[in-house]
Amino acid sequence: MAKRENDSFSVKDLMKGFIKENNLTKGMQKIKIEEAWASMMGPGVANHTTSIRYQNKTLIISLSSSVLREELSYGKEKIIKMLNEEIGDQVISKLLLV
């Protein structure tokens, strides 16, 4: 009978390896960013958000309310900092509100 190796791996480590091997890192970052935006900004802002795009370290948020867009533009740096902390990595360097 074959001898079993008794190496144990956590699911977290296995998932990280799977994501890295299959080049899914960018897609996972997009999902994390969308979830972080919805949870941090709350349902009021999330309801007025029409699209969230991420490309080249820039987060592009489309909003249906011009008043909300103006209000959020005053705190762009704080929003970037909070989102990066929520995600756990410095993935966002610029925020565009359109």
PDB file of N, CA and C in Angstrom:
ATOM      1  N   MET A   1       0.841  -1.171   0.000  1.00  0.00           N
ATOM      2  CA  MET A   1       0.000   0.000   0.000  1.00  0.00           C
ATOM      3  C   MET A   1       0.892   1.242   0.000  1.00  0.00           C
ATOM      4  N   ALA A   2       0.501   2.252  -0.761  1.00  0.00           N
ATOM      5  CA  ALA A   2       1.295   3.474  -0.880  1.00  0.00           C
ATOM      6  C   ALA A   2       1.247   4.271   0.415  1.00  0.00           C
ATOM      7  N   LYS A   3       2.349   4.913   0.683  1.00  0.00           N
ATOM      8  CA  LYS A   3       2.454   5.698   1.902  1.00  0.00           C
ATOM      9  C   LYS A   3       1.888   7.097   1.640  1.00  0.00           C
ATOM     10  N   ARG A   4       1.047   7.584   2.547  1.00  0.00           N
ATOM     11  CA  ARG A   4       0.459   8.910   2.406  1.00  0.00           C
ATOM     12  C   ARG A   4       1.378   9.967   2.984  1.00  0.00           C
ATOM     13  N   GLU A   5       1.426  11.075   2.301  1.00  0.00           N
ATOM     14  CA  GLU A   5       2.139  12.200   2.876  1.00  0.00           C
ATOM     15  C   GLU A   5       1.170  12.916   3.795  1.00  0.00           C
ATOM     16  N   ASN A   6       1.654  13.325   4.914  1.00  0.00           N
ATOM     17  CA  ASN A   6       0.787  13.920   5.912  1.00  0.00           C
ATOM     18  C   ASN A   6       0.913  15.441   5.931  1.00  0.00           C
ATOM     19  N   ASP A   7       1.198  16.042   4.792  1.00  0.00           N
ATOM     20  CA  ASP A   7       1.284  17.495   4.721  1.00  0.00           C
ATOM     21  C   ASP A   7      -0.126  18.067   4.733  1.00  0.00           C
ATOM     22  N   SER A   8      -0.341  19.035   5.578  1.00  0.00           N
ATOM     23  CA  SER A   8      -1.655  19.665   5.617  1.00  0.00           C
ATOM     24  C   SER A   8      -1.504  21.114   5.170  1.00  0.00           C
ATOM     25  N   PHE A   9      -2.451  21.555   4.379  1.00  0.00           N
ATOM     26  CA  PHE A   9      -2.464  22.914   3.859  1.00  0.00           C
ATOM     27  C   PHE A   9      -3.776  23.558   4.242  1.00  0.00           C
ATOM     28  N   SER A  10      -3.733  24.845   4.529  1.00  0.00           N
ATOM     29  CA  SER A  10      -4.974  25.552   4.812  1.00  0.00           C
ATOM     30  C   SER A  10      -5.672  25.864   3.486  1.00  0.00           C
ATOM     31  N   VAL A  11      -6.966  26.026   3.556  1.00  0.00           N
ATOM     32  CA  VAL A  11      -7.747  26.347   2.354  1.00  0.00           C
ATOM     33  C   VAL A  11      -7.299  27.695   1.800  1.00  0.00           C
ATOM     34  N   LYS A  12      -6.968  28.619   2.698  1.00  0.00           N
ATOM     35  CA  LYS A  12      -6.515  29.940   2.270  1.00  0.00           C
ATOM     36  C   LYS A  12      -5.254  29.841   1.416  1.00  0.00           C
ATOM     37  N   ASP A  13      -4.291  29.044   1.873  1.00  0.00           N
ATOM     38  CA  ASP A  13      -3.051  28.866   1.112  1.00  0.00           C
ATOM     39  C   ASP A  13      -3.306  28.188  -0.226  1.00  0.00           C
ATOM     40  N   LEU A  14      -4.176  27.203  -0.240  1.00  0.00           N
ATOM     41  CA  LEU A  14      -4.512  26.509  -1.484  1.00  0.00           C
ATOM     42  C   LEU A  14      -5.180  27.451  -2.482  1.00  0.00           C
ATOM     43  N   MET A  15      -6.096  28.307  -1.986  1.00  0.00           N
ATOM     44  CA  MET A  15      -6.779  29.250  -2.870  1.00  0.00           C
ATOM     45  C   MET A  15      -5.799  30.279  -3.442  1.00  0.00           C
ATOM     46  N   LYS A  16      -4.878  30.768  -2.607  1.00  0.00           N
ATOM     47  CA  LYS A  16      -3.880  31.727  -3.096  1.00  0.00           C
ATOM     48  C   LYS A  16      -3.035  31.103  -4.198  1.00  0.00           C
ATOM     49  N   GLY A  17      -2.632  29.856  -3.999  1.00  0.00           N
ATOM     50  CA  GLY A  17      -1.853  29.162  -5.014  1.00  0.00           C
ATOM     51  C   GLY A  17      -2.628  28.974  -6.296  1.00  0.00           C
ATOM     52  N   PHE A  18      -3.899  28.598  -6.183  1.00  0.00           N
ATOM     53  CA  PHE A  18      -4.758  28.396  -7.350  1.00  0.00           C
ATOM     54  C   PHE A  18      -4.940  29.705  -8.114  1.00  0.00           C
ATOM     55  N   ILE A  19      -5.194  30.787  -7.399  1.00  0.00           N
ATOM     56  CA  ILE A  19      -5.395  32.095  -8.033  1.00  0.00           C
ATOM     57  C   ILE A  19      -4.124  32.535  -8.755  1.00  0.00           C
ATOM     58  N   LYS A  20      -2.988  32.333  -8.127  1.00  0.00           N
ATOM     59  CA  LYS A  20      -1.721  32.744  -8.733  1.00  0.00           C
ATOM     60  C   LYS A  20      -1.392  31.910  -9.967  1.00  0.00           C
ATOM     61  N   GLU A  21      -1.581  30.585  -9.885  1.00  0.00           N
ATOM     62  CA  GLU A  21      -1.264  29.695 -11.001  1.00  0.00           C
ATOM     63  C   GLU A  21      -2.134  29.964 -12.223  1.00  0.00           C
ATOM     64  N   ASN A  22      -3.380  30.362 -12.002  1.00  0.00           N
ATOM     65  CA  ASN A  22      -4.317  30.554 -13.108  1.00  0.00           C
ATOM     66  C   ASN A  22      -4.477  32.019 -13.519  1.00  0.00           C
ATOM     67  N   ASN A  23      -3.572  32.882 -13.058  1.00  0.00           N
ATOM     68  CA  ASN A  23      -3.591  34.309 -13.418  1.00  0.00           C
ATOM     69  C   ASN A  23      -4.945  34.963 -13.156  1.00  0.00           C
ATOM     70  N   LEU A  24      -5.484  34.735 -11.981  1.00  0.00           N
ATOM     71  CA  LEU A  24      -6.781  35.299 -11.612  1.00  0.00           C
ATOM     72  C   LEU A  24      -6.648  36.465 -10.649  1.00  0.00           C
ATOM     73  N   THR A  25      -5.447  36.952 -10.438  1.00  0.00           N
ATOM     74  CA  THR A  25      -5.208  37.987  -9.438  1.00  0.00           C
ATOM     75  C   THR A  25      -5.962  39.271  -9.755  1.00  0.00           C
ATOM     76  N   LYS A  26      -5.923  39.724 -10.997  1.00  0.00           N
ATOM     77  CA  LYS A  26      -6.602  40.969 -11.362  1.00  0.00           C
ATOM     78  C   LYS A  26      -8.114  40.863 -11.178  1.00  0.00           C
ATOM     79  N   GLY A  27      -8.667  39.743 -11.557  1.00  0.00           N
ATOM     80  CA  GLY A  27     -10.108  39.539 -11.396  1.00  0.00           C
ATOM     81  C   GLY A  27     -10.515  39.509  -9.935  1.00  0.00           C
ATOM     82  N   MET A  28      -9.695  38.887  -9.114  1.00  0.00           N
ATOM     83  CA  MET A  28      -9.989  38.840  -7.686  1.00  0.00           C
ATOM     84  C   MET A  28      -9.865  40.228  -7.064  1.00  0.00           C
ATOM     85  N   GLN A  29      -8.909  41.019  -7.533  1.00  0.00           N
ATOM     86  CA  GLN A  29      -8.768  42.386  -7.043  1.00  0.00           C
ATOM     87  C   GLN A  29     -10.007  43.200  -7.380  1.00  0.00           C
ATOM     88  N   LYS A  30     -10.525  43.035  -8.598  1.00  0.00           N
ATOM     89  CA  LYS A  30     -11.736  43.752  -8.997  1.00  0.00           C
ATOM     90  C   LYS A  30     -12.907  43.405  -8.089  1.00  0.00           C
ATOM     91  N   ILE A  31     -13.058  42.139  -7.785  1.00  0.00           N
ATOM     92  CA  ILE A  31     -14.147  41.704  -6.911  1.00  0.00           C
ATOM     93  C   ILE A  31     -13.977  42.288  -5.517  1.00  0.00           C
ATOM     94  N   LYS A  32     -12.756  42.253  -4.993  1.00  0.00           N
ATOM     95  CA  LYS A  32     -12.493  42.824  -3.669  1.00  0.00           C
ATOM     96  C   LYS A  32     -12.793  44.317  -3.641  1.00  0.00           C
ATOM     97  N   ILE A  33     -12.412  45.014  -4.699  1.00  0.00           N
ATOM     98  CA  ILE A  33     -12.648  46.456  -4.776  1.00  0.00           C
ATOM     99  C   ILE A  33     -14.143  46.751  -4.800  1.00  0.00           C
ATOM    100  N   GLU A  34     -14.896  46.014  -5.593  1.00  0.00           N
ATOM    101  CA  GLU A  34     -16.340  46.237  -5.664  1.00  0.00           C
ATOM    102  C   GLU A  34     -17.010  45.969  -4.317  1.00  0.00           C
ATOM    103  N   GLU A  35     -16.595  44.892  -3.652  1.00  0.00           N
ATOM    104  CA  GLU A  35     -17.159  44.576  -2.341  1.00  0.00           C
ATOM    105  C   GLU A  35     -16.778  45.635  -1.310  1.00  0.00           C
ATOM    106  N   ALA A  36     -15.531  46.101  -1.353  1.00  0.00           N
ATOM    107  CA  ALA A  36     -15.078  47.119  -0.406  1.00  0.00           C
ATOM    108  C   ALA A  36     -15.830  48.428  -0.622  1.00  0.00           C
ATOM    109  N   TRP A  37     -16.060  48.815  -1.877  1.00  0.00           N
ATOM    110  CA  TRP A  37     -16.796  50.043  -2.182  1.00  0.00           C
ATOM    111  C   TRP A  37     -18.207  49.965  -1.609  1.00  0.00           C
ATOM    112  N   ALA A  38     -18.899  48.863  -1.860  1.00  0.00           N
ATOM    113  CA  ALA A  38     -20.275  48.721  -1.391  1.00  0.00           C
ATOM    114  C   ALA A  38     -20.350  48.709   0.135  1.00  0.00           C
ATOM    115  N   SER A  39     -19.431  48.019   0.789  1.00  0.00           N
ATOM    116  CA  SER A  39     -19.499  47.921   2.247  1.00  0.00           C
ATOM    117  C   SER A  39     -19.052  49.212   2.932  1.00  0.00           C
ATOM    118  N   MET A  40     -18.059  49.891   2.389  1.00  0.00           N
ATOM    119  CA  MET A  40     -17.552  51.098   3.039  1.00  0.00           C
ATOM    120  C   MET A  40     -18.426  52.316   2.793  1.00  0.00           C
ATOM    121  N   MET A  41     -18.977  52.418   1.611  1.00  0.00           N
ATOM    122  CA  MET A  41     -19.745  53.612   1.274  1.00  0.00           C
ATOM    123  C   MET A  41     -21.212  53.506   1.699  1.00  0.00           C
ATOM    124  N   GLY A  42     -21.661  52.315   1.972  1.00  0.00           N
ATOM    125  CA  GLY A  42     -23.024  52.136   2.454  1.00  0.00           C
ATOM    126  C   GLY A  42     -24.042  52.033   1.335  1.00  0.00           C
ATOM    127  N   PRO A  43     -25.275  51.690   1.700  1.00  0.00           N
ATOM    128  CA  PRO A  43     -26.309  51.472   0.682  1.00  0.00           C
ATOM    129  C   PRO A  43     -26.719  52.741  -0.060  1.00  0.00           C
ATOM    130  N   GLY A  44     -26.622  53.900   0.579  1.00  0.00           N
ATOM    131  CA  GLY A  44     -26.998  55.147  -0.095  1.00  0.00           C
ATOM    132  C   GLY A  44     -26.127  55.441  -1.288  1.00  0.00           C
ATOM    133  N   VAL A  45     -24.829  55.332  -1.122  1.00  0.00           N
ATOM    134  CA  VAL A  45     -23.888  55.583  -2.220  1.00  0.00           C
ATOM    135  C   VAL A  45     -23.929  54.419  -3.205  1.00  0.00           C
ATOM    136  N   ALA A  46     -24.036  53.207  -2.694  1.00  0.00           N
ATOM    137  CA  ALA A  46     -24.068  52.026  -3.566  1.00  0.00           C
ATOM    138  C   ALA A  46     -25.264  52.072  -4.518  1.00  0.00           C
ATOM    139  N   ASN A  47     -26.390  52.603  -4.052  1.00  0.00           N
ATOM    140  CA  ASN A  47     -27.574  52.704  -4.921  1.00  0.00           C
ATOM    141  C   ASN A  47     -27.371  53.694  -6.062  1.00  0.00           C
ATOM    142  N   HIS A  48     -26.532  54.703  -5.849  1.00  0.00           N
ATOM    143  CA  HIS A  48     -26.269  55.702  -6.888  1.00  0.00           C
ATOM    144  C   HIS A  48     -25.047  55.360  -7.739  1.00  0.00           C
ATOM    145  N   THR A  49     -24.384  54.256  -7.421  1.00  0.00           N
ATOM    146  CA  THR A  49     -23.228  53.825  -8.204  1.00  0.00           C
ATOM    147  C   THR A  49     -23.708  52.998  -9.387  1.00  0.00           C
ATOM    148  N   THR A  50     -23.387  53.450 -10.593  1.00  0.00           N
ATOM    149  CA  THR A  50     -23.839  52.731 -11.785  1.00  0.00           C
ATOM    150  C   THR A  50     -22.797  51.744 -12.296  1.00  0.00           C
ATOM    151  N   SER A  51     -21.503  52.060 -12.130  1.00  0.00           N
ATOM    152  CA  SER A  51     -20.469  51.103 -12.533  1.00  0.00           C
ATOM    153  C   SER A  51     -19.178  51.374 -11.773  1.00  0.00           C
ATOM    154  N   ILE A  52     -18.411  50.287 -11.613  1.00  0.00           N
ATOM    155  CA  ILE A  52     -17.107  50.355 -10.960  1.00  0.00           C
ATOM    156  C   ILE A  52     -16.114  49.685 -11.891  1.00  0.00           C
ATOM    157  N   ARG A  53     -15.098  50.440 -12.313  1.00  0.00           N
ATOM    158  CA  ARG A  53     -14.065  49.883 -13.182  1.00  0.00           C
ATOM    159  C   ARG A  53     -12.713  50.113 -12.542  1.00  0.00           C
ATOM    160  N   TYR A  54     -11.804  49.166 -12.752  1.00  0.00           N
ATOM    161  CA  TYR A  54     -10.455  49.262 -12.212  1.00  0.00           C
ATOM    162  C   TYR A  54      -9.468  48.947 -13.323  1.00  0.00           C
ATOM    163  N   GLN A  55      -8.599  49.905 -13.602  1.00  0.00           N
ATOM    164  CA  GLN A  55      -7.569  49.667 -14.608  1.00  0.00           C
ATOM    165  C   GLN A  55      -6.351  50.539 -14.308  1.00  0.00           C
ATOM    166  N   ASN A  56      -5.187  49.931 -14.369  1.00  0.00           N
ATOM    167  CA  ASN A  56      -3.911  50.619 -14.166  1.00  0.00           C
ATOM    168  C   ASN A  56      -3.864  51.418 -12.861  1.00  0.00           C
ATOM    169  N   LYS A  57      -4.229  50.778 -11.760  1.00  0.00           N
ATOM    170  CA  LYS A  57      -4.218  51.376 -10.420  1.00  0.00           C
ATOM    171  C   LYS A  57      -5.169  52.556 -10.285  1.00  0.00           C
ATOM    172  N   THR A  58      -6.103  52.711 -11.227  1.00  0.00           N
ATOM    173  CA  THR A  58      -7.094  53.780 -11.177  1.00  0.00           C
ATOM    174  C   THR A  58      -8.476  53.167 -11.010  1.00  0.00           C
ATOM    175  N   LEU A  59      -9.208  53.671 -10.020  1.00  0.00           N
ATOM    176  CA  LEU A  59     -10.574  53.231  -9.782  1.00  0.00           C
ATOM    177  C   LEU A  59     -11.511  54.268 -10.377  1.00  0.00           C
ATOM    178  N   ILE A  60     -12.348  53.830 -11.305  1.00  0.00           N
ATOM    179  CA  ILE A  60     -13.277  54.725 -11.996  1.00  0.00           C
ATOM    180  C   ILE A  60     -14.692  54.379 -11.535  1.00  0.00           C
ATOM    181  N   ILE A  61     -15.315  55.317 -10.838  1.00  0.00           N
ATOM    182  CA  ILE A  61     -16.650  55.116 -10.288  1.00  0.00           C
ATOM    183  C   ILE A  61     -17.626  55.996 -11.051  1.00  0.00           C
ATOM    184  N   SER A  62     -18.656  55.393 -11.630  1.00  0.00           N
ATOM    185  CA  SER A  62     -19.714  56.148 -12.298  1.00  0.00           C
ATOM    186  C   SER A  62     -20.879  56.293 -11.335  1.00  0.00           C
ATOM    187  N   LEU A  63     -21.292  57.532 -11.129  1.00  0.00           N
ATOM    188  CA  LEU A  63     -22.380  57.824 -10.202  1.00  0.00           C
ATOM    189  C   LEU A  63     -23.533  58.473 -10.947  1.00  0.00           C
ATOM    190  N   SER A  64     -24.757  58.176 -10.510  1.00  0.00           N
ATOM    191  CA  SER A  64     -25.936  58.741 -11.160  1.00  0.00           C
ATOM    192  C   SER A  64     -26.328  60.086 -10.566  1.00  0.00           C
ATOM    193  N   SER A  65     -25.708  60.487  -9.476  1.00  0.00           N
ATOM    194  CA  SER A  65     -26.034  61.749  -8.807  1.00  0.00           C
ATOM    195  C   SER A  65     -24.854  62.708  -8.864  1.00  0.00           C
ATOM    196  N   SER A  66     -25.060  63.862  -9.482  1.00  0.00           N
ATOM    197  CA  SER A  66     -23.989  64.855  -9.581  1.00  0.00           C
ATOM    198  C   SER A  66     -23.686  65.475  -8.219  1.00  0.00           C
ATOM    199  N   VAL A  67     -24.691  65.588  -7.372  1.00  0.00           N
ATOM    200  CA  VAL A  67     -24.481  66.135  -6.034  1.00  0.00           C
ATOM    201  C   VAL A  67     -23.588  65.189  -5.222  1.00  0.00           C
ATOM    202  N   LEU A  68     -23.873  63.913  -5.281  1.00  0.00           N
ATOM    203  CA  LEU A  68     -23.073  62.918  -4.577  1.00  0.00           C
ATOM    204  C   LEU A  68     -21.649  62.894  -5.120  1.00  0.00           C
ATOM    205  N   ARG A  69     -21.503  62.998  -6.431  1.00  0.00           N
ATOM    206  CA  ARG A  69     -20.182  63.020  -7.066  1.00  0.00           C
ATOM    207  C   ARG A  69     -19.358  64.183  -6.515  1.00  0.00           C
ATOM    208  N   GLU A  70     -19.990  65.347  -6.399  1.00  0.00           N
ATOM    209  CA  GLU A  70     -19.304  66.531  -5.883  1.00  0.00           C
ATOM    210  C   GLU A  70     -18.905  66.350  -4.417  1.00  0.00           C
ATOM    211  N   GLU A  71     -19.800  65.801  -3.615  1.00  0.00           N
ATOM    212  CA  GLU A  71     -19.511  65.564  -2.199  1.00  0.00           C
ATOM    213  C   GLU A  71     -18.354  64.583  -2.024  1.00  0.00           C
ATOM    214  N   LEU A  72     -18.362  63.499  -2.782  1.00  0.00           N
ATOM    215  CA  LEU A  72     -17.308  62.495  -2.660  1.00  0.00           C
ATOM    216  C   LEU A  72     -15.968  63.011  -3.181  1.00  0.00           C
ATOM    217  N   SER A  73     -15.995  63.951  -4.112  1.00  0.00           N
ATOM    218  CA  SER A  73     -14.743  64.462  -4.682  1.00  0.00           C
ATOM    219  C   SER A  73     -13.908  65.200  -3.636  1.00  0.00           C
ATOM    220  N   TYR A  74     -14.537  65.712  -2.585  1.00  0.00           N
ATOM    221  CA  TYR A  74     -13.788  66.411  -1.538  1.00  0.00           C
ATOM    222  C   TYR A  74     -12.944  65.458  -0.700  1.00  0.00           C
ATOM    223  N   GLY A  75     -13.320  64.189  -0.649  1.00  0.00           N
ATOM    224  CA  GLY A  75     -12.600  63.237   0.185  1.00  0.00           C
ATOM    225  C   GLY A  75     -11.930  62.120  -0.591  1.00  0.00           C
ATOM    226  N   LYS A  76     -11.469  62.396  -1.796  1.00  0.00           N
ATOM    227  CA  LYS A  76     -10.879  61.352  -2.650  1.00  0.00           C
ATOM    228  C   LYS A  76      -9.709  60.646  -1.980  1.00  0.00           C
ATOM    229  N   GLU A  77      -8.790  61.418  -1.404  1.00  0.00           N
ATOM    230  CA  GLU A  77      -7.601  60.822  -0.787  1.00  0.00           C
ATOM    231  C   GLU A  77      -7.981  59.914   0.384  1.00  0.00           C
ATOM    232  N   LYS A  78      -8.951  60.354   1.155  1.00  0.00           N
ATOM    233  CA  LYS A  78      -9.398  59.540   2.296  1.00  0.00           C
ATOM    234  C   LYS A  78     -10.080  58.263   1.809  1.00  0.00           C
ATOM    235  N   ILE A  79     -10.870  58.361   0.759  1.00  0.00           N
ATOM    236  CA  ILE A  79     -11.543  57.191   0.192  1.00  0.00           C
ATOM    237  C   ILE A  79     -10.511  56.188  -0.328  1.00  0.00           C
ATOM    238  N   ILE A  80      -9.498  56.676  -1.033  1.00  0.00           N
ATOM    239  CA  ILE A  80      -8.448  55.797  -1.557  1.00  0.00           C
ATOM    240  C   ILE A  80      -7.751  55.071  -0.406  1.00  0.00           C
ATOM    241  N   LYS A  81      -7.400  55.830   0.629  1.00  0.00           N
ATOM    242  CA  LYS A  81      -6.712  55.245   1.782  1.00  0.00           C
ATOM    243  C   LYS A  81      -7.580  54.183   2.456  1.00  0.00           C
ATOM    244  N   MET A  82      -8.860  54.479   2.656  1.00  0.00           N
ATOM    245  CA  MET A  82      -9.767  53.534   3.314  1.00  0.00           C
ATOM    246  C   MET A  82      -9.975  52.279   2.478  1.00  0.00           C
ATOM    247  N   LEU A  83     -10.120  52.431   1.171  1.00  0.00           N
ATOM    248  CA  LEU A  83     -10.309  51.268   0.300  1.00  0.00           C
ATOM    249  C   LEU A  83      -9.065  50.384   0.288  1.00  0.00           C
ATOM    250  N   ASN A  84      -7.893  50.990   0.210  1.00  0.00           N
ATOM    251  CA  ASN A  84      -6.653  50.205   0.227  1.00  0.00           C
ATOM    252  C   ASN A  84      -6.497  49.450   1.548  1.00  0.00           C
ATOM    253  N   GLU A  85      -6.870  50.080   2.655  1.00  0.00           N
ATOM    254  CA  GLU A  85      -6.812  49.401   3.953  1.00  0.00           C
ATOM    255  C   GLU A  85      -7.792  48.240   4.003  1.00  0.00           C
ATOM    256  N   GLU A  86      -8.974  48.446   3.458  1.00  0.00           N
ATOM    257  CA  GLU A  86      -9.998  47.390   3.452  1.00  0.00           C
ATOM    258  C   GLU A  86      -9.555  46.199   2.605  1.00  0.00           C
ATOM    259  N   ILE A  87      -8.924  46.485   1.482  1.00  0.00           N
ATOM    260  CA  ILE A  87      -8.466  45.427   0.585  1.00  0.00           C
ATOM    261  C   ILE A  87      -7.218  44.749   1.146  1.00  0.00           C
ATOM    262  N   GLY A  88      -6.402  45.517   1.854  1.00  0.00           N
ATOM    263  CA  GLY A  88      -5.199  44.953   2.449  1.00  0.00           C
ATOM    264  C   GLY A  88      -3.969  45.070   1.569  1.00  0.00           C
ATOM    265  N   ASP A  89      -4.030  45.934   0.574  1.00  0.00           N
ATOM    266  CA  ASP A  89      -2.906  46.117  -0.340  1.00  0.00           C
ATOM    267  C   ASP A  89      -3.048  47.484  -1.001  1.00  0.00           C
ATOM    268  N   GLN A  90      -1.953  48.048  -1.478  1.00  0.00           N
ATOM    269  CA  GLN A  90      -1.979  49.348  -2.147  1.00  0.00           C
ATOM    270  C   GLN A  90      -2.287  49.150  -3.631  1.00  0.00           C
ATOM    271  N   VAL A  91      -3.537  48.871  -3.956  1.00  0.00           N
ATOM    272  CA  VAL A  91      -3.913  48.605  -5.341  1.00  0.00           C
ATOM    273  C   VAL A  91      -4.497  49.825  -6.035  1.00  0.00           C
ATOM    274  N   ILE A  92      -4.957  50.807  -5.273  1.00  0.00           N
ATOM    275  CA  ILE A  92      -5.576  51.997  -5.857  1.00  0.00           C
ATOM    276  C   ILE A  92      -4.683  53.204  -5.584  1.00  0.00           C
ATOM    277  N   SER A  93      -4.335  53.929  -6.650  1.00  0.00           N
ATOM    278  CA  SER A  93      -3.546  55.140  -6.464  1.00  0.00           C
ATOM    279  C   SER A  93      -4.305  56.392  -6.920  1.00  0.00           C
ATOM    280  N   LYS A  94      -5.351  56.197  -7.720  1.00  0.00           N
ATOM    281  CA  LYS A  94      -6.112  57.326  -8.243  1.00  0.00           C
ATOM    282  C   LYS A  94      -7.592  56.976  -8.278  1.00  0.00           C
ATOM    283  N   LEU A  95      -8.436  57.951  -7.978  1.00  0.00           N
ATOM    284  CA  LEU A  95      -9.886  57.747  -7.986  1.00  0.00           C
ATOM    285  C   LEU A  95     -10.522  58.774  -8.914  1.00  0.00           C
ATOM    286  N   LEU A  96     -11.284  58.279  -9.874  1.00  0.00           N
ATOM    287  CA  LEU A  96     -12.029  59.154 -10.787  1.00  0.00           C
ATOM    288  C   LEU A  96     -13.517  58.956 -10.543  1.00  0.00           C
ATOM    289  N   LEU A  97     -14.211  60.051 -10.308  1.00  0.00           N
ATOM    290  CA  LEU A  97     -15.662  60.000 -10.121  1.00  0.00           C
ATOM    291  C   LEU A  97     -16.297  60.627 -11.350  1.00  0.00           C
ATOM    292  N   VAL A  98     -17.031  59.816 -12.088  1.00  0.00           N
ATOM    293  CA  VAL A  98     -17.664  60.301 -13.337  1.00  0.00           C
ATOM    294  C   VAL A  98     -19.161  60.073 -13.300  1.00  0.00           C
TER     295      VAL A  98
END
